Amino acid sequence: MADELTTFINIIEVDPDRQQELVELLTTGAEEVIRHRPGFVDVTILASLDGARVVNVARWRSPQDVEATQADPAAAEYAKRVAAMAPAAPALYRVAAEVR
C-alpha cells in the first residue's frame, strides 16, 4: 500500500560505558538534522538494560526519503560519528504483521 511507512532500524553494539554517550549523539542528530528532513515521521531510541546495545527506530513516509536523508551531508556526518563509536547494523523494514 502506498500509505505504509518505511521503518529504519539501526542496531548498534556499544561498550556499556559509552551507551549513554551514544544515546545522546543519536538524540542530538535526530533533533538537529533528521526530524527536519522530508518524509520524517518519528524516531525512538532504545537502550538495552545490559548497556550493550542501542536501537534507533525511525519511521519515514518512503524508502526514498531515507535514501535522500542518508545522502545529506549533515546526516552523513552523524552516521560517521556513530560508526566511529560502535559497529552498527542498519536496515529498512516494512510492517509484515501486527498483533494488538
PDB file of N, CA and C in Angstrom:
ATOM      1  N   MET A   1       0.835  -1.196   0.000  1.00  0.00           N
ATOM      2  CA  MET A   1       0.000   0.000   0.000  1.00  0.00           C
ATOM      3  C   MET A   1       0.872   1.249   0.000  1.00  0.00           C
ATOM      4  N   ALA A   2       0.428   2.257  -0.677  1.00  0.00           N
ATOM      5  CA  ALA A   2       1.198   3.493  -0.789  1.00  0.00           C
ATOM      6  C   ALA A   2       1.266   4.255   0.529  1.00  0.00           C
ATOM      7  N   ASP A   3       0.299   4.029   1.434  1.00  0.00           N
ATOM      8  CA  ASP A   3       0.287   4.791   2.676  1.00  0.00           C
ATOM      9  C   ASP A   3       1.058   4.104   3.817  1.00  0.00           C
ATOM     10  N   GLU A   4       1.712   2.964   3.543  1.00  0.00           N
ATOM     11  CA  GLU A   4       2.503   2.290   4.563  1.00  0.00           C
ATOM     12  C   GLU A   4       3.823   3.026   4.765  1.00  0.00           C
ATOM     13  N   LEU A   5       4.262   3.047   6.004  1.00  0.00           N
ATOM     14  CA  LEU A   5       5.523   3.706   6.331  1.00  0.00           C
ATOM     15  C   LEU A   5       6.699   2.754   6.168  1.00  0.00           C
ATOM     16  N   THR A   6       7.863   3.325   5.982  1.00  0.00           N
ATOM     17  CA  THR A   6       9.109   2.572   5.964  1.00  0.00           C
ATOM     18  C   THR A   6       9.778   2.792   7.312  1.00  0.00           C
ATOM     19  N   THR A   7      10.300   1.727   7.900  1.00  0.00           N
ATOM     20  CA  THR A   7      10.956   1.832   9.192  1.00  0.00           C
ATOM     21  C   THR A   7      12.438   1.548   9.034  1.00  0.00           C
ATOM     22  N   PHE A   8      13.245   2.484   9.478  1.00  0.00           N
ATOM     23  CA  PHE A   8      14.704   2.341   9.509  1.00  0.00           C
ATOM     24  C   PHE A   8      15.066   1.891  10.911  1.00  0.00           C
ATOM     25  N   ILE A   9      15.729   0.742  11.008  1.00  0.00           N
ATOM     26  CA  ILE A   9      16.169   0.242  12.306  1.00  0.00           C
ATOM     27  C   ILE A   9      17.673   0.057  12.253  1.00  0.00           C
ATOM     28  N   ASN A  10      18.345   0.633  13.225  1.00  0.00           N
ATOM     29  CA  ASN A  10      19.792   0.509  13.328  1.00  0.00           C
ATOM     30  C   ASN A  10      20.106  -0.066  14.710  1.00  0.00           C
ATOM     31  N   ILE A  11      20.640  -1.278  14.729  1.00  0.00           N
ATOM     32  CA  ILE A  11      21.022  -1.940  15.976  1.00  0.00           C
ATOM     33  C   ILE A  11      22.521  -1.734  16.145  1.00  0.00           C
ATOM     34  N   ILE A  12      22.890  -1.098  17.233  1.00  0.00           N
ATOM     35  CA  ILE A  12      24.284  -0.700  17.443  1.00  0.00           C
ATOM     36  C   ILE A  12      24.830  -1.385  18.694  1.00  0.00           C
ATOM     37  N   GLU A  13      25.872  -2.166  18.510  1.00  0.00           N
ATOM     38  CA  GLU A  13      26.563  -2.814  19.630  1.00  0.00           C
ATOM     39  C   GLU A  13      27.552  -1.790  20.193  1.00  0.00           C
ATOM     40  N   VAL A  14      27.476  -1.540  21.493  1.00  0.00           N
ATOM     41  CA  VAL A  14      28.284  -0.475  22.080  1.00  0.00           C
ATOM     42  C   VAL A  14      28.892  -0.933  23.401  1.00  0.00           C
ATOM     43  N   ASP A  15      30.044  -0.394  23.722  1.00  0.00           N
ATOM     44  CA  ASP A  15      30.648  -0.618  25.035  1.00  0.00           C
ATOM     45  C   ASP A  15      29.680  -0.038  26.062  1.00  0.00           C
ATOM     46  N   PRO A  16      29.284  -0.819  27.073  1.00  0.00           N
ATOM     47  CA  PRO A  16      28.330  -0.304  28.053  1.00  0.00           C
ATOM     48  C   PRO A  16      28.734   1.031  28.686  1.00  0.00           C
ATOM     49  N   ASP A  17      30.023   1.286  28.789  1.00  0.00           N
ATOM     50  CA  ASP A  17      30.483   2.566  29.337  1.00  0.00           C
ATOM     51  C   ASP A  17      30.167   3.745  28.420  1.00  0.00           C
ATOM     52  N   ARG A  18      29.854   3.453  27.144  1.00  0.00           N
ATOM     53  CA  ARG A  18      29.589   4.527  26.182  1.00  0.00           C
ATOM     54  C   ARG A  18      28.134   4.562  25.721  1.00  0.00           C
ATOM     55  N   GLN A  19      27.293   3.717  26.304  1.00  0.00           N
ATOM     56  CA  GLN A  19      25.908   3.657  25.859  1.00  0.00           C
ATOM     57  C   GLN A  19      25.219   5.014  25.956  1.00  0.00           C
ATOM     58  N   GLN A  20      25.323   5.680  27.079  1.00  0.00           N
ATOM     59  CA  GLN A  20      24.641   6.968  27.243  1.00  0.00           C
ATOM     60  C   GLN A  20      25.193   8.011  26.275  1.00  0.00           C
ATOM     61  N   GLU A  21      26.482   8.007  26.044  1.00  0.00           N
ATOM     62  CA  GLU A  21      27.089   8.929  25.075  1.00  0.00           C
ATOM     63  C   GLU A  21      26.501   8.696  23.683  1.00  0.00           C
ATOM     64  N   LEU A  22      26.323   7.434  23.316  1.00  0.00           N
ATOM     65  CA  LEU A  22      25.734   7.106  22.017  1.00  0.00           C
ATOM     66  C   LEU A  22      24.275   7.546  21.952  1.00  0.00           C
ATOM     67  N   VAL A  23      23.510   7.311  23.006  1.00  0.00           N
ATOM     68  CA  VAL A  23      22.117   7.760  23.055  1.00  0.00           C
ATOM     69  C   VAL A  23      22.050   9.277  22.859  1.00  0.00           C
ATOM     70  N   GLU A  24      22.927  10.003  23.514  1.00  0.00           N
ATOM     71  CA  GLU A  24      22.941  11.466  23.393  1.00  0.00           C
ATOM     72  C   GLU A  24      23.304  11.900  21.973  1.00  0.00           C
ATOM     73  N   LEU A  25      24.267  11.216  21.341  1.00  0.00           N
ATOM     74  CA  LEU A  25      24.646  11.545  19.971  1.00  0.00           C
ATOM     75  C   LEU A  25      23.485  11.297  19.013  1.00  0.00           C
ATOM     76  N   LEU A  26      22.831  10.157  19.147  1.00  0.00           N
ATOM     77  CA  LEU A  26      21.685   9.855  18.282  1.00  0.00           C
ATOM     78  C   LEU A  26      20.538  10.837  18.511  1.00  0.00           C
ATOM     79  N   THR A  27      20.297  11.190  19.750  1.00  0.00           N
ATOM     80  CA  THR A  27      19.225  12.136  20.070  1.00  0.00           C
ATOM     81  C   THR A  27      19.522  13.510  19.473  1.00  0.00           C
ATOM     82  N   THR A  28      20.742  13.965  19.627  1.00  0.00           N
ATOM     83  CA  THR A  28      21.138  15.267  19.063  1.00  0.00           C
ATOM     84  C   THR A  28      21.001  15.251  17.544  1.00  0.00           C
ATOM     85  N   GLY A  29      21.475  14.191  16.900  1.00  0.00           N
ATOM     86  CA  GLY A  29      21.357  14.083  15.447  1.00  0.00           C
ATOM     87  C   GLY A  29      19.908  14.102  14.992  1.00  0.00           C
ATOM     88  N   ALA A  30      19.054  13.399  15.736  1.00  0.00           N
ATOM     89  CA  ALA A  30      17.625  13.368  15.385  1.00  0.00           C
ATOM     90  C   ALA A  30      16.984  14.736  15.556  1.00  0.00           C
ATOM     91  N   GLU A  31      17.326  15.402  16.650  1.00  0.00           N
ATOM     92  CA  GLU A  31      16.722  16.720  16.919  1.00  0.00           C
ATOM     93  C   GLU A  31      17.233  17.793  15.969  1.00  0.00           C
ATOM     94  N   GLU A  32      18.526  17.780  15.671  1.00  0.00           N
ATOM     95  CA  GLU A  32      19.121  18.860  14.870  1.00  0.00           C
ATOM     96  C   GLU A  32      18.998  18.655  13.366  1.00  0.00           C
ATOM     97  N   VAL A  33      18.998  17.395  12.913  1.00  0.00           N
ATOM     98  CA  VAL A  33      19.038  17.138  11.473  1.00  0.00           C
ATOM     99  C   VAL A  33      17.865  16.281  11.001  1.00  0.00           C
ATOM    100  N   ILE A  34      17.745  15.083  11.531  1.00  0.00           N
ATOM    101  CA  ILE A  34      16.833  14.084  10.988  1.00  0.00           C
ATOM    102  C   ILE A  34      15.373  14.539  10.997  1.00  0.00           C
ATOM    103  N   ARG A  35      14.917  15.097  12.085  1.00  0.00           N
ATOM    104  CA  ARG A  35      13.494  15.464  12.176  1.00  0.00           C
ATOM    105  C   ARG A  35      13.080  16.546  11.186  1.00  0.00           C
ATOM    106  N   HIS A  36      14.041  17.250  10.606  1.00  0.00           N
ATOM    107  CA  HIS A  36      13.747  18.321   9.659  1.00  0.00           C
ATOM    108  C   HIS A  36      13.766  17.847   8.205  1.00  0.00           C
ATOM    109  N   ARG A  37      14.091  16.586   7.992  1.00  0.00           N
ATOM    110  CA  ARG A  37      14.182  16.048   6.634  1.00  0.00           C
ATOM    111  C   ARG A  37      12.793  15.715   6.098  1.00  0.00           C
ATOM    112  N   PRO A  38      12.599  15.871   4.787  1.00  0.00           N
ATOM    113  CA  PRO A  38      11.315  15.500   4.175  1.00  0.00           C
ATOM    114  C   PRO A  38      11.004  14.019   4.410  1.00  0.00           C
ATOM    115  N   GLY A  39       9.754  13.738   4.741  1.00  0.00           N
ATOM    116  CA  GLY A  39       9.313  12.363   4.917  1.00  0.00           C
ATOM    117  C   GLY A  39       9.499  11.803   6.311  1.00  0.00           C
ATOM    118  N   PHE A  40      10.159  12.549   7.196  1.00  0.00           N
ATOM    119  CA  PHE A  40      10.371  12.078   8.562  1.00  0.00           C
ATOM    120  C   PHE A  40       9.032  12.016   9.295  1.00  0.00           C
ATOM    121  N   VAL A  41       8.824  10.926  10.059  1.00  0.00           N
ATOM    122  CA  VAL A  41       7.614  10.771  10.864  1.00  0.00           C
ATOM    123  C   VAL A  41       7.969  10.836  12.343  1.00  0.00           C
ATOM    124  N   ASP A  42       8.806   9.927  12.807  1.00  0.00           N
ATOM    125  CA  ASP A  42       9.221   9.939  14.214  1.00  0.00           C
ATOM    126  C   ASP A  42      10.431   9.033  14.414  1.00  0.00           C
ATOM    127  N   VAL A  43      11.026   9.166  15.581  1.00  0.00           N
ATOM    128  CA  VAL A  43      12.177   8.329  15.931  1.00  0.00           C
ATOM    129  C   VAL A  43      12.052   7.912  17.390  1.00  0.00           C
ATOM    130  N   THR A  44      12.470   6.680  17.657  1.00  0.00           N
ATOM    131  CA  THR A  44      12.542   6.146  19.015  1.00  0.00           C
ATOM    132  C   THR A  44      13.935   5.570  19.195  1.00  0.00           C
ATOM    133  N   ILE A  45      14.562   5.910  20.294  1.00  0.00           N
ATOM    134  CA  ILE A  45      15.901   5.388  20.595  1.00  0.00           C
ATOM    135  C   ILE A  45      15.774   4.526  21.843  1.00  0.00           C
ATOM    136  N   LEU A  46      16.174   3.268  21.719  1.00  0.00           N
ATOM    137  CA  LEU A  46      16.073   2.305  22.813  1.00  0.00           C
ATOM    138  C   LEU A  46      17.467   1.955  23.324  1.00  0.00           C
ATOM    139  N   ALA A  47      17.619   1.852  24.637  1.00  0.00           N
ATOM    140  CA  ALA A  47      18.884   1.462  25.256  1.00  0.00           C
ATOM    141  C   ALA A  47      18.658   0.135  25.986  1.00  0.00           C
ATOM    142  N   SER A  48      19.468  -0.871  25.653  1.00  0.00           N
ATOM    143  CA  SER A  48      19.304  -2.166  26.305  1.00  0.00           C
ATOM    144  C   SER A  48      19.657  -2.058  27.785  1.00  0.00           C
ATOM    145  N   LEU A  49      18.977  -2.840  28.587  1.00  0.00           N
ATOM    146  CA  LEU A  49      19.203  -2.786  30.030  1.00  0.00           C
ATOM    147  C   LEU A  49      20.599  -3.257  30.421  1.00  0.00           C
ATOM    148  N   ASP A  50      21.224  -4.102  29.597  1.00  0.00           N
ATOM    149  CA  ASP A  50      22.581  -4.562  29.902  1.00  0.00           C
ATOM    150  C   ASP A  50      23.645  -3.562  29.437  1.00  0.00           C
ATOM    151  N   GLY A  51      23.218  -2.487  28.769  1.00  0.00           N
ATOM    152  CA  GLY A  51      24.139  -1.437  28.338  1.00  0.00           C
ATOM    153  C   GLY A  51      24.884  -1.727  27.048  1.00  0.00           C
ATOM    154  N   ALA A  52      24.685  -2.895  26.457  1.00  0.00           N
ATOM    155  CA  ALA A  52      25.499  -3.329  25.326  1.00  0.00           C
ATOM    156  C   ALA A  52      24.944  -2.948  23.953  1.00  0.00           C
ATOM    157  N   ARG A  53      23.723  -2.440  23.895  1.00  0.00           N
ATOM    158  CA  ARG A  53      23.123  -2.114  22.612  1.00  0.00           C
ATOM    159  C   ARG A  53      22.276  -0.850  22.698  1.00  0.00           C
ATOM    160  N   VAL A  54      22.189  -0.190  21.554  1.00  0.00           N
ATOM    161  CA  VAL A  54      21.253   0.916  21.359  1.00  0.00           C
ATOM    162  C   VAL A  54      20.551   0.621  20.043  1.00  0.00           C
ATOM    163  N   VAL A  55      19.242   0.795  20.041  1.00  0.00           N
ATOM    164  CA  VAL A  55      18.466   0.573  18.830  1.00  0.00           C
ATOM    165  C   VAL A  55      17.803   1.889  18.446  1.00  0.00           C
ATOM    166  N   ASN A  56      18.047   2.301  17.215  1.00  0.00           N
ATOM    167  CA  ASN A  56      17.484   3.522  16.664  1.00  0.00           C
ATOM    168  C   ASN A  56      16.382   3.111  15.695  1.00  0.00           C
ATOM    169  N   VAL A  57      15.144   3.495  15.982  1.00  0.00           N
ATOM    170  CA  VAL A  57      13.998   3.144  15.147  1.00  0.00           C
ATOM    171  C   VAL A  57      13.386   4.442  14.631  1.00  0.00           C
ATOM    172  N   ALA A  58      13.461   4.646  13.329  1.00  0.00           N
ATOM    173  CA  ALA A  58      12.914   5.861  12.728  1.00  0.00           C
ATOM    174  C   ALA A  58      11.903   5.468  11.659  1.00  0.00           C
ATOM    175  N   ARG A  59      10.754   6.129  11.670  1.00  0.00           N
ATOM    176  CA  ARG A  59       9.736   5.858  10.661  1.00  0.00           C
ATOM    177  C   ARG A  59       9.717   6.998   9.645  1.00  0.00           C
ATOM    178  N   TRP A  60       9.557   6.594   8.381  1.00  0.00           N
ATOM    179  CA  TRP A  60       9.604   7.512   7.252  1.00  0.00           C
ATOM    180  C   TRP A  60       8.433   7.247   6.321  1.00  0.00           C
ATOM    181  N   ARG A  61       8.088   8.228   5.529  1.00  0.00           N
ATOM    182  CA  ARG A  61       6.998   8.076   4.559  1.00  0.00           C
ATOM    183  C   ARG A  61       7.367   7.095   3.443  1.00  0.00           C
ATOM    184  N   SER A  62       8.673   7.040   3.057  1.00  0.00           N
ATOM    185  CA  SER A  62       9.068   6.158   1.957  1.00  0.00           C
ATOM    186  C   SER A  62      10.545   5.796   2.064  1.00  0.00           C
ATOM    187  N   PRO A  63      10.950   4.723   1.390  1.00  0.00           N
ATOM    188  CA  PRO A  63      12.377   4.385   1.343  1.00  0.00           C
ATOM    189  C   PRO A  63      13.205   5.499   0.690  1.00  0.00           C
ATOM    190  N   GLN A  64      12.607   6.194  -0.271  1.00  0.00           N
ATOM    191  CA  GLN A  64      13.320   7.285  -0.948  1.00  0.00           C
ATOM    192  C   GLN A  64      13.658   8.421   0.020  1.00  0.00           C
ATOM    193  N   ASP A  65      12.776   8.664   0.985  1.00  0.00           N
ATOM    194  CA  ASP A  65      13.061   9.690   1.989  1.00  0.00           C
ATOM    195  C   ASP A  65      14.266   9.297   2.838  1.00  0.00           C
ATOM    196  N   VAL A  66      14.368   8.022   3.165  1.00  0.00           N
ATOM    197  CA  VAL A  66      15.523   7.537   3.936  1.00  0.00           C
ATOM    198  C   VAL A  66      16.791   7.696   3.107  1.00  0.00           C
ATOM    199  N   GLU A  67      16.745   7.260   1.860  1.00  0.00           N
ATOM    200  CA  GLU A  67      17.916   7.346   0.983  1.00  0.00           C
ATOM    201  C   GLU A  67      18.372   8.793   0.812  1.00  0.00           C
ATOM    202  N   ALA A  68      17.431   9.708   0.638  1.00  0.00           N
ATOM    203  CA  ALA A  68      17.779  11.122   0.484  1.00  0.00           C
ATOM    204  C   ALA A  68      18.423  11.661   1.761  1.00  0.00           C
ATOM    205  N   THR A  69      17.916  11.233   2.897  1.00  0.00           N
ATOM    206  CA  THR A  69      18.491  11.671   4.171  1.00  0.00           C
ATOM    207  C   THR A  69      19.891  11.115   4.344  1.00  0.00           C
ATOM    208  N   GLN A  70      20.098   9.856   3.994  1.00  0.00           N
ATOM    209  CA  GLN A  70      21.434   9.262   4.111  1.00  0.00           C
ATOM    210  C   GLN A  70      22.440   9.972   3.215  1.00  0.00           C
ATOM    211  N   ALA A  71      21.984  10.544   2.110  1.00  0.00           N
ATOM    212  CA  ALA A  71      22.867  11.275   1.199  1.00  0.00           C
ATOM    213  C   ALA A  71      23.127  12.706   1.653  1.00  0.00           C
ATOM    214  N   ASP A  72      22.344  13.194   2.601  1.00  0.00           N
ATOM    215  CA  ASP A  72      22.507  14.555   3.105  1.00  0.00           C
ATOM    216  C   ASP A  72      23.808  14.651   3.904  1.00  0.00           C
ATOM    217  N   PRO A  73      24.667  15.632   3.623  1.00  0.00           N
ATOM    218  CA  PRO A  73      25.949  15.733   4.323  1.00  0.00           C
ATOM    219  C   PRO A  73      25.832  15.860   5.840  1.00  0.00           C
ATOM    220  N   ALA A  74      24.850  16.586   6.329  1.00  0.00           N
ATOM    221  CA  ALA A  74      24.700  16.745   7.780  1.00  0.00           C
ATOM    222  C   ALA A  74      24.314  15.422   8.430  1.00  0.00           C
ATOM    223  N   ALA A  75      23.411  14.678   7.802  1.00  0.00           N
ATOM    224  CA  ALA A  75      23.016  13.371   8.335  1.00  0.00           C
ATOM    225  C   ALA A  75      24.182  12.386   8.233  1.00  0.00           C
ATOM    226  N   ALA A  76      24.917  12.438   7.130  1.00  0.00           N
ATOM    227  CA  ALA A  76      26.060  11.543   6.942  1.00  0.00           C
ATOM    228  C   ALA A  76      27.132  11.783   8.001  1.00  0.00           C
ATOM    229  N   GLU A  77      27.283  13.015   8.421  1.00  0.00           N
ATOM    230  CA  GLU A  77      28.268  13.340   9.459  1.00  0.00           C
ATOM    231  C   GLU A  77      27.901  12.656  10.781  1.00  0.00           C
ATOM    232  N   TYR A  78      26.625  12.681  11.141  1.00  0.00           N
ATOM    233  CA  TYR A  78      26.200  11.976  12.359  1.00  0.00           C
ATOM    234  C   TYR A  78      26.399  10.475  12.214  1.00  0.00           C
ATOM    235  N   ALA A  79      26.093   9.935  11.055  1.00  0.00           N
ATOM    236  CA  ALA A  79      26.289   8.498  10.819  1.00  0.00           C
ATOM    237  C   ALA A  79      27.756   8.117  10.970  1.00  0.00           C
ATOM    238  N   LYS A  80      28.648   8.978  10.491  1.00  0.00           N
ATOM    239  CA  LYS A  80      30.086   8.733  10.638  1.00  0.00           C
ATOM    240  C   LYS A  80      30.496   8.730  12.106  1.00  0.00           C
ATOM    241  N   ARG A  81      29.962   9.641  12.864  1.00  0.00           N
ATOM    242  CA  ARG A  81      30.292   9.728  14.291  1.00  0.00           C
ATOM    243  C   ARG A  81      29.788   8.499  15.048  1.00  0.00           C
ATOM    244  N   VAL A  82      28.618   8.021  14.692  1.00  0.00           N
ATOM    245  CA  VAL A  82      28.082   6.805  15.312  1.00  0.00           C
ATOM    246  C   VAL A  82      28.968   5.613  14.948  1.00  0.00           C
ATOM    247  N   ALA A  83      29.311   5.485  13.680  1.00  0.00           N
ATOM    248  CA  ALA A  83      30.133   4.364  13.222  1.00  0.00           C
ATOM    249  C   ALA A  83      31.510   4.362  13.886  1.00  0.00           C
ATOM    250  N   ALA A  84      32.042   5.540  14.168  1.00  0.00           N
ATOM    251  CA  ALA A  84      33.336   5.624  14.836  1.00  0.00           C
ATOM    252  C   ALA A  84      33.248   5.162  16.289  1.00  0.00           C
ATOM    253  N   MET A  85      32.062   5.222  16.855  1.00  0.00           N
ATOM    254  CA  MET A  85      31.862   4.864  18.252  1.00  0.00           C
ATOM    255  C   MET A  85      31.584   3.376  18.439  1.00  0.00           C
ATOM    256  N   ALA A  86      30.856   2.775  17.490  1.00  0.00           N
ATOM    257  CA  ALA A  86      30.418   1.391  17.677  1.00  0.00           C
ATOM    258  C   ALA A  86      29.939   0.800  16.355  1.00  0.00           C
ATOM    259  N   PRO A  87      30.066  -0.532  16.207  1.00  0.00           N
ATOM    260  CA  PRO A  87      29.555  -1.181  14.992  1.00  0.00           C
ATOM    261  C   PRO A  87      28.028  -1.138  14.947  1.00  0.00           C
ATOM    262  N   ALA A  88      27.498  -0.931  13.750  1.00  0.00           N
ATOM    263  CA  ALA A  88      26.061  -0.792  13.584  1.00  0.00           C
ATOM    264  C   ALA A  88      25.563  -1.737  12.494  1.00  0.00           C
ATOM    265  N   ALA A  89      24.272  -2.027  12.540  1.00  0.00           N
ATOM    266  CA  ALA A  89      23.640  -2.887  11.539  1.00  0.00           C
ATOM    267  C   ALA A  89      22.327  -2.241  11.082  1.00  0.00           C
ATOM    268  N   PRO A  90      22.413  -1.207  10.221  1.00  0.00           N
ATOM    269  CA  PRO A  90      21.196  -0.534   9.763  1.00  0.00           C
ATOM    270  C   PRO A  90      20.505  -1.288   8.633  1.00  0.00           C
ATOM    271  N   ALA A  91      19.176  -1.180   8.594  1.00  0.00           N
ATOM    272  CA  ALA A  91      18.389  -1.777   7.506  1.00  0.00           C
ATOM    273  C   ALA A  91      17.016  -1.113   7.466  1.00  0.00           C
ATOM    274  N   LEU A  92      16.368  -1.223   6.311  1.00  0.00           N
ATOM    275  CA  LEU A  92      14.996  -0.731   6.152  1.00  0.00           C
ATOM    276  C   LEU A  92      14.035  -1.900   6.298  1.00  0.00           C
ATOM    277  N   TYR A  93      12.899  -1.636   6.940  1.00  0.00           N
ATOM    278  CA  TYR A  93      11.895  -2.672   7.192  1.00  0.00           C
ATOM    279  C   TYR A  93      10.528  -2.176   6.794  1.00  0.00           C
ATOM    280  N   ARG A  94       9.634  -3.115   6.545  1.00  0.00           N
ATOM    281  CA  ARG A  94       8.218  -2.842   6.347  1.00  0.00           C
ATOM    282  C   ARG A  94       7.464  -3.655   7.381  1.00  0.00           C
ATOM    283  N   VAL A  95       6.287  -3.235   7.750  1.00  0.00           N
ATOM    284  CA  VAL A  95       5.473  -3.999   8.676  1.00  0.00           C
ATOM    285  C   VAL A  95       4.985  -5.245   7.954  1.00  0.00           C
ATOM    286  N   ALA A  96       5.299  -6.408   8.511  1.00  0.00           N
ATOM    287  CA  ALA A  96       4.875  -7.667   7.921  1.00  0.00           C
ATOM    288  C   ALA A  96       3.647  -8.227   8.642  1.00  0.00           C
ATOM    289  N   ALA A  97       3.499  -7.892   9.924  1.00  0.00           N
ATOM    290  CA  ALA A  97       2.349  -8.336  10.699  1.00  0.00           C
ATOM    291  C   ALA A  97       2.259  -7.500  11.969  1.00  0.00           C
ATOM    292  N   GLU A  98       1.053  -7.361  12.478  1.00  0.00           N
ATOM    293  CA  GLU A  98       0.823  -6.666  13.751  1.00  0.00           C
ATOM    294  C   GLU A  98      -0.202  -7.442  14.549  1.00  0.00           C
ATOM    295  N   VAL A  99       0.032  -7.534  15.834  1.00  0.00           N
ATOM    296  CA  VAL A  99      -0.911  -8.147  16.760  1.00  0.00           C
ATOM    297  C   VAL A  99      -1.178  -7.123  17.849  1.00  0.00           C
ATOM    298  N   ARG A 100      -2.424  -6.796  18.060  1.00  0.00           N
ATOM    299  CA  ARG A 100      -2.772  -5.790  19.073  1.00  0.00           C
ATOM    300  C   ARG A 100      -3.749  -6.351  20.053  1.00  0.00           C
TER     301      ARG A 100
END
